[in-house]
C-alpha atoms as a PDB file:
ATOM      1  CA  MET A   1      -2.596 -15.053  -7.644  1.00  0.00           C
ATOM      2  CA  THR A   2       1.154 -15.180  -7.174  1.00  0.00           C
ATOM      3  CA  THR A   3       2.694 -12.740  -4.757  1.00  0.00           C
ATOM      4  CA  THR A   4       6.101 -11.263  -5.345  1.00  0.00           C
ATOM      5  CA  PRO A   5       8.874 -11.073  -2.763  1.00  0.00           C
ATOM      6  CA  THR A   6       8.164  -7.343  -2.527  1.00  0.00           C
ATOM      7  CA  ASP A   7       4.482  -8.028  -1.793  1.00  0.00           C
ATOM      8  CA  ARG A   8       5.399 -10.436   0.986  1.00  0.00           C
ATOM      9  CA  ILE A   9       7.986  -8.071   2.445  1.00  0.00           C
ATOM     10  CA  ARG A  10       5.444  -5.240   2.373  1.00  0.00           C
ATOM     11  CA  GLU A  11       3.048  -7.429   4.381  1.00  0.00           C
ATOM     12  CA  HIS A  12       5.796  -8.256   6.911  1.00  0.00           C
ATOM     13  CA  LEU A  13       6.681  -4.592   7.297  1.00  0.00           C
ATOM     14  CA  GLU A  14       3.049  -3.601   7.760  1.00  0.00           C
ATOM     15  CA  THR A  15       2.637  -6.254  10.454  1.00  0.00           C
ATOM     16  CA  ALA A  16       5.809  -5.028  12.161  1.00  0.00           C
ATOM     17  CA  ARG A  17       4.711  -1.375  11.830  1.00  0.00           C
ATOM     18  CA  ILE A  18       1.406  -2.122  13.535  1.00  0.00           C
ATOM     19  CA  ALA A  19       3.151  -4.045  16.336  1.00  0.00           C
ATOM     20  CA  VAL A  20       5.803  -1.352  16.915  1.00  0.00           C
ATOM     21  CA  LEU A  21       3.246   1.448  17.044  1.00  0.00           C
ATOM     22  CA  ALA A  22       1.001  -0.559  19.364  1.00  0.00           C
ATOM     23  CA  GLU A  23       3.945  -1.200  21.701  1.00  0.00           C
ATOM     24  CA  LEU A  24       4.906   2.462  21.700  1.00  0.00           C
ATOM     25  CA  GLU A  25       1.342   3.618  22.318  1.00  0.00           C
ATOM     26  CA  ALA A  26       0.927   1.063  25.123  1.00  0.00           C
ATOM     27  CA  THR A  27       3.948   2.455  26.952  1.00  0.00           C
ATOM     28  CA  ILE A  28       2.369   4.546  29.684  1.00  0.00           C
ATOM     29  CA  ASP A  29       5.440   6.387  30.888  1.00  0.00           C
ATOM     30  CA  PRO A  30       6.138   9.207  28.366  1.00  0.00           C
ATOM     31  CA  VAL A  31       9.873   9.121  29.115  1.00  0.00           C
ATOM     32  CA  GLN A  32      10.036   5.402  28.325  1.00  0.00           C
ATOM     33  CA  ARG A  33       7.794   5.902  25.269  1.00  0.00           C
ATOM     34  CA  GLN A  34      10.049   8.651  23.945  1.00  0.00           C
ATOM     35  CA  GLU A  35      13.182   6.568  24.576  1.00  0.00           C
ATOM     36  CA  ALA A  36      11.679   3.559  22.819  1.00  0.00           C
ATOM     37  CA  ALA A  37      10.625   5.718  19.863  1.00  0.00           C
ATOM     38  CA  ARG A  38      14.122   7.241  19.697  1.00  0.00           C
ATOM     39  CA  GLU A  39      15.684   3.766  19.715  1.00  0.00           C
ATOM     40  CA  VAL A  40      13.457   2.712  16.827  1.00  0.00           C
ATOM     41  CA  LEU A  41      14.304   5.819  14.802  1.00  0.00           C
ATOM     42  CA  GLU A  42      17.995   6.131  15.591  1.00  0.00           C
ATOM     43  CA  THR A  43      19.121   2.519  15.897  1.00  0.00           C
ATOM     44  CA  LEU A  44      16.688  -0.128  14.731  1.00  0.00           C
ATOM     45  CA  LEU A  45      15.494   1.398  11.452  1.00  0.00           C
ATOM     46  CA  PRO A  46      18.974   2.512  10.329  1.00  0.00           C
ATOM     47  CA  SER A  47      20.320  -0.939  11.175  1.00  0.00           C
ATOM     48  CA  LEU A  48      17.601  -2.555   9.069  1.00  0.00           C
ATOM     49  CA  GLY A  49      18.342  -0.126   6.259  1.00  0.00           C
ATOM     50  CA  GLY A  50      22.012  -1.056   6.339  1.00  0.00           C
ATOM     51  CA  ASP A  51      21.202  -4.751   6.300  1.00  0.00           C
ATOM     52  CA  VAL A  52      18.839  -4.310   3.338  1.00  0.00           C
ATOM     53  CA  LYS A  53      21.431  -2.205   1.497  1.00  0.00           C
ATOM     54  CA  ALA A  54      23.966  -5.021   1.944  1.00  0.00           C
ATOM     55  CA  VAL A  55      21.527  -7.561   0.471  1.00  0.00           C
ATOM     56  CA  ARG A  56      20.960  -5.245  -2.484  1.00  0.00           C
ATOM     57  CA  GLY A  57      24.687  -4.869  -3.050  1.00  0.00           C
ATOM     58  CA  ARG A  58      25.216  -8.632  -3.002  1.00  0.00           C
ATOM     59  CA  ALA A  59      22.403  -9.081  -5.536  1.00  0.00           C
ATOM     60  CA  VAL A  60      23.986  -6.509  -7.857  1.00  0.00           C
ATOM     61  CA  ALA A  61      27.370  -8.198  -7.388  1.00  0.00           C
ATOM     62  CA  GLU A  62      25.821 -11.505  -8.473  1.00  0.00           C
ATOM     63  CA  LEU A  63      24.480  -9.839 -11.603  1.00  0.00           C
ATOM     64  CA  ARG A  64      27.869  -8.240 -12.285  1.00  0.00           C
ATOM     65  CA  VAL A  65      29.669 -11.575 -12.713  1.00  0.00           C
ATOM     66  CA  GLY A  66      30.570 -11.781 -16.394  1.00  0.00           C
ATOM     67  CA  ARG A  67      28.717  -8.579 -17.270  1.00  0.00           C
ATOM     68  CA  SER A  68      29.611  -4.952 -17.745  1.00  0.00           C
ATOM     69  CA  LEU A  69      28.206  -2.218 -15.529  1.00  0.00           C
ATOM     70  CA  ALA A  70      26.087  -1.084 -18.492  1.00  0.00           C
ATOM     71  CA  GLU A  71      24.649  -4.575 -18.961  1.00  0.00           C
ATOM     72  CA  VAL A  72      23.770  -4.816 -15.277  1.00  0.00           C
ATOM     73  CA  GLY A  73      22.215  -1.358 -15.407  1.00  0.00           C
ATOM     74  CA  GLU A  74      20.081  -2.399 -18.344  1.00  0.00           C
ATOM     75  CA  MET A  75      18.958  -5.520 -16.467  1.00  0.00           C
ATOM     76  CA  LEU A  76      17.940  -3.276 -13.576  1.00  0.00           C
ATOM     77  CA  GLY A  77      15.586  -1.168 -15.637  1.00  0.00           C
ATOM     78  CA  GLY A  78      17.987   1.260 -17.232  1.00  0.00           C
ATOM     79  CA  MET A  79      20.022   2.132 -14.144  1.00  0.00           C
ATOM     80  CA  SER A  80      23.126   4.142 -14.952  1.00  0.00           C
ATOM     81  CA  ARG A  81      26.582   2.571 -14.879  1.00  0.00           C
ATOM     82  CA  GLY A  82      27.525   5.021 -12.148  1.00  0.00           C
ATOM     83  CA  ARG A  83      24.621   3.952  -9.952  1.00  0.00           C
ATOM     84  CA  VAL A  84      25.429   0.270 -10.466  1.00  0.00           C
ATOM     85  CA  ASP A  85      29.004   1.006  -9.413  1.00  0.00           C
ATOM     86  CA  GLN A  86      27.751   2.852  -6.312  1.00  0.00           C
ATOM     87  CA  LEU A  87      25.596  -0.109  -5.317  1.00  0.00           C
ATOM     88  CA  LEU A  88      28.551  -2.435  -5.728  1.00  0.00           C
ATOM     89  CA  LYS A  89      30.512  -0.159  -3.386  1.00  0.00           C
ATOM     90  CA  GLY A  90      27.724  -0.191  -0.802  1.00  0.00           C
ATOM     91  CA  ARG A  91      26.459   3.316  -1.405  1.00  0.00           C
END
């Protein structure tokens, strides 16, 4: 059975989720545990989201070369031209 990139990423994220939660739960001091949880929520996850968004935008930009927004949208499962344009602009 062939796994897709999404399948492999899902496995990586699940492994990371388990490790992060274990680390948080193992932190005895509730102040430190709260601070670590805040850092995950306010800094680490948003940073990852931004990095992933940038990868997505670059992928859409690759598809855009020599194609119209409508053509790219069609390649991406019927995405609207407006949404393709937003992704190209990093939104």
